[in-house]
């Protein structure tokens, strides 16, 4: 029989009820507090979303306005460029007409950039071409380097073969002079095997290497002999190149700074004067054209390079013509 009576359970039950009621109140309060904070957070998020939406809408409107402004300015720029091009074309026609009028006027003088009394300039030009042709017959520095590498590779292989054979002989001597249990014998066996294999592989490669080296030595000897024969011609061509450029530069400088008219072929291909940018490059191209004309006796009054060389012309002249034609596209 239990020691507790019904009267003993009454106070305990009431205490539990009070504790439960207190727990419920505290829980309801906590839930209410959490709910309130959650509502505050949701309200804040809504406010942020609204603010962000307004900011995005404002930004989108600014971008659209900037785009419309840029498009409008682009249209204005295109119209301005078109008007400028039209004006330049009109101005170009007027300048051409004025220049034609000046050329027809009494006393008008056109500079003769092709003048060559006694053929001295052409002689320099031909000397330049002869030197360049002789130089073209020589091996390039890259080709000479390849030849040097081929010969060196063969020499190194021969030296390596000598070294491998020496190692084989030393290993064989060690094997012959050591007993089976000698620690040196194992190393001698390894050295013998490795060196013998390397010597065999090198020996197999030496045939092709020797053949290539022989051909390379013959090419180098031929090139050395050709260089010796062409040295005077190449040097004369280099001196002629310097003299020709100096004379043509002086003539062109006088023409550009003078009051006389430039030839039609010059103005058509290079314009009436050097541009503000890349003036030195423009001048070099002009000198190249002058040198081409005096060397190949081009006298065409309109075409800077004259007519296209025929198929029977020297390959160097054809190559030079094509090169200058490309260069002139930047200035015409």
Protein backbone atom coordinates (compact mmCIF):
# COMPACT_ATOMS: atom_id res chain seq x y z
CA UNK A 1 0.00 0.00 0.00
CA UNK A 2 1.34 3.44 -1.07
CA UNK A 3 2.50 5.87 1.56
CA UNK A 4 0.81 8.80 -0.30
CA UNK A 5 -2.90 9.58 0.13
CA UNK A 6 -5.27 11.44 -2.21
CA UNK A 7 -4.77 14.57 -0.22
CA UNK A 8 -1.02 14.41 -0.91
CA UNK A 9 -1.54 14.42 -4.72
CA UNK A 10 -3.78 17.48 -4.73
CA UNK A 11 -1.11 20.12 -4.06
CA UNK A 12 1.26 18.47 -6.55
CA UNK A 13 -1.37 18.48 -9.31
CA UNK A 14 -2.21 22.11 -8.66
CA UNK A 15 1.47 22.98 -8.83
CA UNK A 16 1.81 21.13 -12.14
CA UNK A 17 -1.22 22.96 -13.51
CA UNK A 18 0.21 26.30 -12.50
CA UNK A 19 3.58 25.38 -14.05
CA UNK A 20 1.85 24.27 -17.25
CA UNK A 21 -0.14 27.49 -17.42
CA UNK A 22 3.02 29.51 -16.89
CA UNK A 23 4.78 27.53 -19.68
CA UNK A 24 1.88 28.18 -22.05
CA UNK A 25 1.92 31.90 -21.28
CA UNK A 26 5.67 32.09 -21.80
CA UNK A 27 5.43 30.10 -25.00
CA UNK A 28 2.61 32.27 -26.34
CA UNK A 29 4.62 35.36 -25.47
CA UNK A 30 7.71 34.01 -27.18
CA UNK A 31 5.73 33.01 -30.27
CA UNK A 32 4.04 36.41 -30.31
CA UNK A 33 7.42 38.11 -30.03
CA UNK A 34 8.85 35.98 -32.84
CA UNK A 35 5.78 36.65 -35.00
CA UNK A 36 6.15 40.37 -34.39
CA UNK A 37 9.81 40.31 -35.36
CA UNK A 38 9.01 38.22 -38.44
CA UNK A 39 6.41 40.77 -39.48
CA UNK A 40 8.99 43.52 -38.97
CA UNK A 41 11.48 41.63 -41.16
CA UNK A 42 8.86 41.05 -43.86
CA UNK A 43 7.94 44.72 -43.76
CA UNK A 44 11.60 45.70 -44.06
CA UNK A 45 12.08 43.29 -47.00
CA UNK A 46 9.01 44.71 -48.70
CA UNK A 47 10.36 48.22 -48.23
CA UNK A 48 13.77 47.17 -49.57
CA UNK A 49 12.18 45.43 -52.56
CA UNK A 50 10.14 48.49 -53.31
CA UNK A 51 13.19 50.72 -52.99
CA UNK A 52 15.25 48.40 -55.15
CA UNK A 53 12.50 48.29 -57.76
CA UNK A 54 12.34 52.07 -57.82
CA UNK A 55 16.14 52.23 -58.08
CA UNK A 56 16.18 49.68 -60.90
CA UNK A 57 13.37 51.45 -62.75
CA UNK A 58 15.25 54.75 -62.39
CA UNK A 59 18.47 53.13 -63.58
CA UNK A 60 16.70 51.54 -66.51
CA UNK A 61 15.23 54.89 -67.46
CA UNK A 62 18.67 56.52 -67.27
CA UNK A 63 20.17 53.80 -69.46
CA UNK A 64 17.40 54.16 -72.01
CA UNK A 65 17.88 57.92 -72.05
CA UNK A 66 21.64 57.54 -72.47
CA UNK A 67 21.10 55.03 -75.28
CA UNK A 68 18.73 57.37 -77.09
CA UNK A 69 21.19 60.23 -76.64
CA UNK A 70 24.07 58.11 -77.96
CA UNK A 71 22.02 57.00 -80.96
CA UNK A 72 21.07 60.59 -81.70
CA UNK A 73 24.70 61.72 -81.46
CA UNK A 74 25.78 58.76 -83.60
CA UNK A 75 23.32 59.83 -86.28
CA UNK A 76 24.60 63.38 -86.02
CA UNK A 77 28.18 62.15 -86.26
CA UNK A 78 27.40 60.03 -89.34
CA UNK A 79 25.73 63.02 -90.95
CA UNK A 80 28.74 65.17 -90.07
CA UNK A 81 31.16 62.59 -91.48
CA UNK A 82 29.10 62.27 -94.63
CA UNK A 83 29.01 66.04 -95.01
CA UNK A 84 32.76 66.20 -94.40
CA UNK A 85 33.41 63.51 -97.01
CA UNK A 86 31.24 65.35 -99.47
CA UNK A 87 33.05 68.57 -98.70
CA UNK A 88 36.44 66.90 -99.10
CA UNK A 89 35.43 65.43 -102.44
CA UNK A 90 34.21 68.83 -103.57
CA UNK A 91 37.40 70.44 -102.31
CA UNK A 92 39.47 67.76 -104.02
CA UNK A 93 37.74 68.44 -107.33
CA UNK A 94 38.33 72.14 -106.92
CA UNK A 95 42.00 71.59 -106.10
CA UNK A 96 42.34 69.31 -109.11
CA UNK A 97 40.68 71.87 -111.34
CA UNK A 98 42.86 74.63 -109.89
CA UNK A 99 45.99 72.55 -110.36
CA UNK A 100 45.00 71.78 -113.94
CA UNK A 101 44.45 75.48 -114.51
CA UNK A 102 47.85 76.28 -113.04
CA UNK A 103 49.54 73.66 -115.21
CA UNK A 104 47.99 75.24 -118.28
CA UNK A 105 48.83 78.76 -117.22
CA UNK A 106 51.62 80.55 -118.97
CA UNK A 107 54.92 80.20 -117.15
CA UNK A 108 53.81 77.23 -115.01
CA UNK A 109 56.73 74.96 -114.15
CA UNK A 110 56.42 71.29 -113.25
CA UNK A 111 59.31 69.73 -111.36
CA UNK A 112 60.99 66.96 -113.32
CA UNK A 113 61.64 64.39 -110.63
CA UNK A 114 62.75 61.87 -113.28
CA UNK A 115 65.57 64.01 -114.68
CA UNK A 116 68.78 62.02 -114.99
CA UNK A 117 71.47 63.78 -116.99
CA UNK A 118 74.10 61.36 -118.12
CA UNK A 119 72.23 58.43 -116.57
CA UNK A 120 74.12 58.74 -113.27
CA UNK A 121 71.06 58.04 -111.14
CA UNK A 122 70.13 55.03 -113.22
CA UNK A 123 73.70 53.78 -112.94
CA UNK A 124 73.43 53.95 -109.15
CA UNK A 125 70.06 52.21 -109.27
CA UNK A 126 71.43 49.39 -111.42
CA UNK A 127 74.40 49.01 -109.07
CA UNK A 128 71.96 48.68 -106.18
CA UNK A 129 69.98 46.04 -108.05
CA UNK A 130 73.12 44.14 -108.98
CA UNK A 131 74.26 44.10 -105.37
CA UNK A 132 70.85 42.95 -104.15
CA UNK A 133 70.74 40.23 -106.80
CA UNK A 134 74.17 38.99 -105.71
CA UNK A 135 73.14 39.06 -102.08
CA UNK A 136 70.00 37.08 -102.88
CA UNK A 137 72.20 34.25 -104.19
CA UNK A 138 73.81 33.83 -100.77
CA UNK A 139 72.52 31.67 -97.97
CA UNK A 140 70.49 33.49 -95.35
CA UNK A 141 71.74 33.71 -91.75
CA UNK A 142 69.12 31.14 -90.77
CA UNK A 143 70.33 28.71 -93.44
CA UNK A 144 73.93 29.20 -92.29
CA UNK A 145 72.85 28.47 -88.71
CA UNK A 146 71.17 25.23 -89.81
CA UNK A 147 74.37 24.19 -91.59
CA UNK A 148 76.43 24.97 -88.51
CA UNK A 149 74.06 22.94 -86.33
CA UNK A 150 74.19 19.95 -88.71
CA UNK A 151 77.99 19.88 -88.71
CA UNK A 152 78.19 20.37 -84.94
CA UNK A 153 75.63 17.62 -84.35
CA UNK A 154 77.75 15.14 -86.32
CA UNK A 155 80.92 16.19 -84.48
CA UNK A 156 79.21 15.81 -81.09
CA UNK A 157 77.93 12.34 -82.04
CA UNK A 158 81.45 11.24 -82.96
CA UNK A 159 82.78 12.55 -79.66
CA UNK A 160 79.99 10.75 -77.81
CA UNK A 161 80.82 7.47 -79.62
CA UNK A 162 84.46 7.82 -78.58
CA UNK A 163 83.36 8.33 -74.97
CA UNK A 164 81.01 5.32 -75.01
CA UNK A 165 83.74 3.08 -76.43
CA UNK A 166 86.19 4.25 -73.77
CA UNK A 167 83.63 3.38 -71.09
CA UNK A 168 83.14 -0.08 -72.62
CA UNK A 169 86.89 -0.74 -72.57
CA UNK A 170 87.21 0.42 -68.95
CA UNK A 171 84.26 -1.71 -67.88
CA UNK A 172 85.64 -4.75 -69.72
CA UNK A 173 89.00 -4.32 -67.99
CA UNK A 174 87.25 -4.12 -64.61
CA UNK A 175 85.27 -7.27 -65.35
CA UNK A 176 88.42 -9.11 -66.32
CA UNK A 177 90.25 -8.09 -63.16
CA UNK A 178 87.56 -8.58 -60.50
CA UNK A 179 86.12 -11.67 -58.91
CA UNK A 180 82.46 -12.59 -58.94
CA UNK A 181 81.82 -11.27 -55.45
CA UNK A 182 83.72 -8.03 -55.85
CA UNK A 183 81.39 -5.00 -55.34
CA UNK A 184 83.12 -3.22 -58.25
CA UNK A 185 82.07 -5.95 -60.62
CA UNK A 186 78.36 -5.08 -60.45
CA UNK A 187 79.01 -1.43 -61.35
CA UNK A 188 81.34 -2.53 -64.16
CA UNK A 189 78.60 -4.77 -65.54
CA UNK A 190 76.08 -1.89 -65.48
CA UNK A 191 78.55 0.52 -67.11
CA UNK A 192 79.41 -2.05 -69.79
CA UNK A 193 75.75 -2.72 -70.65
CA UNK A 194 74.76 0.96 -70.76
CA UNK A 195 77.80 2.17 -72.71
CA UNK A 196 77.68 -0.73 -75.20
CA UNK A 197 74.02 0.00 -75.98
CA UNK A 198 74.68 3.75 -76.34
CA UNK A 199 77.68 3.10 -78.59
CA UNK A 200 75.62 0.84 -80.85
CA UNK A 201 72.79 3.38 -81.15
CA UNK A 202 75.22 6.22 -81.85
CA UNK A 203 77.05 4.13 -84.45
CA UNK A 204 73.76 3.43 -86.23
CA UNK A 205 72.98 7.17 -86.38
CA UNK A 206 76.42 8.22 -87.51
CA UNK A 207 75.86 7.17 -91.11
CA UNK A 208 73.05 9.66 -91.76
CA UNK A 209 74.71 12.30 -89.60
CA UNK A 210 77.96 11.99 -91.55
CA UNK A 211 76.10 12.25 -94.87
CA UNK A 212 74.18 15.33 -93.74
CA UNK A 213 77.33 16.91 -92.32
CA UNK A 214 79.18 16.35 -95.60
CA UNK A 215 76.39 18.00 -97.60
CA UNK A 216 76.30 20.87 -95.12
CA UNK A 217 80.05 21.40 -95.38
CA UNK A 218 79.80 21.45 -99.18
CA UNK A 219 76.97 24.02 -99.02
CA UNK A 220 78.95 26.18 -96.62
CA UNK A 221 82.06 25.97 -98.80
CA UNK A 222 80.04 26.93 -101.88
CA UNK A 223 78.43 29.83 -100.04
CA UNK A 224 81.81 30.99 -98.70
CA UNK A 225 83.25 31.00 -102.22
CA UNK A 226 80.23 32.85 -103.58
CA UNK A 227 80.48 35.42 -100.81
CA UNK A 228 84.11 36.01 -101.63
CA UNK A 229 83.30 36.53 -105.32
CA UNK A 230 80.27 38.76 -104.61
CA UNK A 231 81.74 40.82 -101.79
CA UNK A 232 82.86 43.68 -104.04
CA UNK A 233 79.54 43.79 -105.93
CA UNK A 234 77.49 43.72 -102.73
CA UNK A 235 79.61 46.43 -101.14
CA UNK A 236 79.36 48.58 -104.28
CA UNK A 237 75.58 48.12 -104.24
CA UNK A 238 75.39 49.26 -100.63
CA UNK A 239 77.43 52.37 -101.39
CA UNK A 240 75.29 53.08 -104.45
CA UNK A 241 72.13 52.72 -102.35
CA UNK A 242 73.37 55.37 -99.90
CA UNK A 243 74.39 57.77 -102.68
CA UNK A 244 71.14 57.31 -104.58
CA UNK A 245 69.00 57.93 -101.52
CA UNK A 246 70.95 61.07 -100.60
CA UNK A 247 70.55 62.56 -104.08
CA UNK A 248 66.89 61.67 -104.41
CA UNK A 249 66.11 62.97 -100.91
CA UNK A 250 67.76 66.28 -101.73
CA UNK A 251 65.84 66.56 -104.99
CA UNK A 252 62.54 65.72 -103.37
CA UNK A 253 63.11 68.14 -100.48
CA UNK A 254 63.77 70.95 -102.93
CA UNK A 255 60.64 70.08 -104.90
CA UNK A 256 58.41 69.94 -101.82
CA UNK A 257 59.69 73.22 -100.43
CA UNK A 258 59.67 75.03 -103.79
CA UNK A 259 56.91 76.85 -105.63
CA UNK A 260 56.89 74.68 -108.76
CA UNK A 261 54.20 72.10 -109.39
CA UNK A 262 54.79 68.44 -108.61
CA UNK A 263 54.27 65.88 -111.39
CA UNK A 264 50.79 64.43 -111.78
CA UNK A 265 52.02 60.91 -111.04
CA UNK A 266 53.48 62.09 -107.72
CA UNK A 267 50.39 63.99 -106.53
CA UNK A 268 48.11 61.15 -107.59
CA UNK A 269 50.07 58.44 -105.77
CA UNK A 270 51.40 60.32 -102.74
CA UNK A 271 49.47 63.55 -102.46
CA UNK A 272 50.82 67.09 -102.71
CA UNK A 273 52.81 67.00 -99.45
CA UNK A 274 53.87 64.86 -96.52
CA UNK A 275 51.13 64.06 -93.99
CA UNK A 276 51.34 65.39 -90.45
CA UNK A 277 51.66 61.84 -89.16
CA UNK A 278 54.09 59.19 -90.40
CA UNK A 279 55.89 61.81 -92.48
CA UNK A 280 59.17 59.89 -92.45
CA UNK A 281 57.47 56.71 -93.63
CA UNK A 282 55.77 58.70 -96.39
CA UNK A 283 59.12 60.17 -97.44
CA UNK A 284 60.77 56.74 -97.56
CA UNK A 285 57.97 55.45 -99.79
CA UNK A 286 58.37 58.47 -102.08
CA UNK A 287 62.11 57.81 -102.33
CA UNK A 288 61.44 54.15 -103.12
CA UNK A 289 59.16 55.19 -105.97
CA UNK A 290 61.70 57.69 -107.32
CA UNK A 291 64.43 55.04 -107.19
CA UNK A 292 62.20 52.57 -109.01
CA UNK A 293 61.43 55.08 -111.76
CA UNK A 294 65.05 56.08 -112.40
CA UNK A 295 66.32 52.49 -112.20
CA UNK A 296 63.80 51.06 -114.63
CA UNK A 297 63.41 54.27 -116.68
CA UNK A 298 59.72 54.71 -115.95
CA UNK A 299 58.49 57.98 -117.49
CA UNK A 300 54.73 57.53 -117.28
CA UNK A 301 53.27 61.00 -116.51
CA UNK A 302 50.25 59.63 -114.62
CA UNK A 303 51.14 56.24 -113.12
CA UNK A 304 53.82 56.40 -110.45
CA UNK A 305 55.12 52.91 -111.21
CA UNK A 306 54.19 52.81 -114.85
CA UNK A 307 52.47 49.76 -116.30
CA UNK A 308 52.64 46.37 -114.62
CA UNK A 309 55.85 44.52 -115.59
CA UNK A 310 55.37 41.80 -118.18
CA UNK A 311 55.86 38.16 -117.37
CA UNK A 312 59.22 38.25 -119.11
CA UNK A 313 60.53 40.98 -116.82
CA UNK A 314 63.13 40.29 -114.16
CA UNK A 315 61.57 38.62 -111.11
CA UNK A 316 63.12 41.22 -108.84
CA UNK A 317 61.48 44.09 -110.74
CA UNK A 318 58.09 42.37 -110.57
CA UNK A 319 58.47 41.74 -106.85
CA UNK A 320 59.53 45.34 -106.28
CA UNK A 321 56.58 46.63 -108.32
CA UNK A 322 54.10 44.61 -106.25
CA UNK A 323 55.70 45.70 -103.00
CA UNK A 324 55.57 49.39 -103.91
CA UNK A 325 52.01 49.09 -105.19
CA UNK A 326 50.99 47.82 -101.74
CA UNK A 327 52.88 50.61 -100.01
CA UNK A 328 51.23 53.29 -102.14
CA UNK A 329 47.72 52.21 -101.10
CA UNK A 330 48.33 53.89 -97.75
CA UNK A 331 49.02 57.30 -99.31
CA UNK A 332 47.02 57.60 -102.52
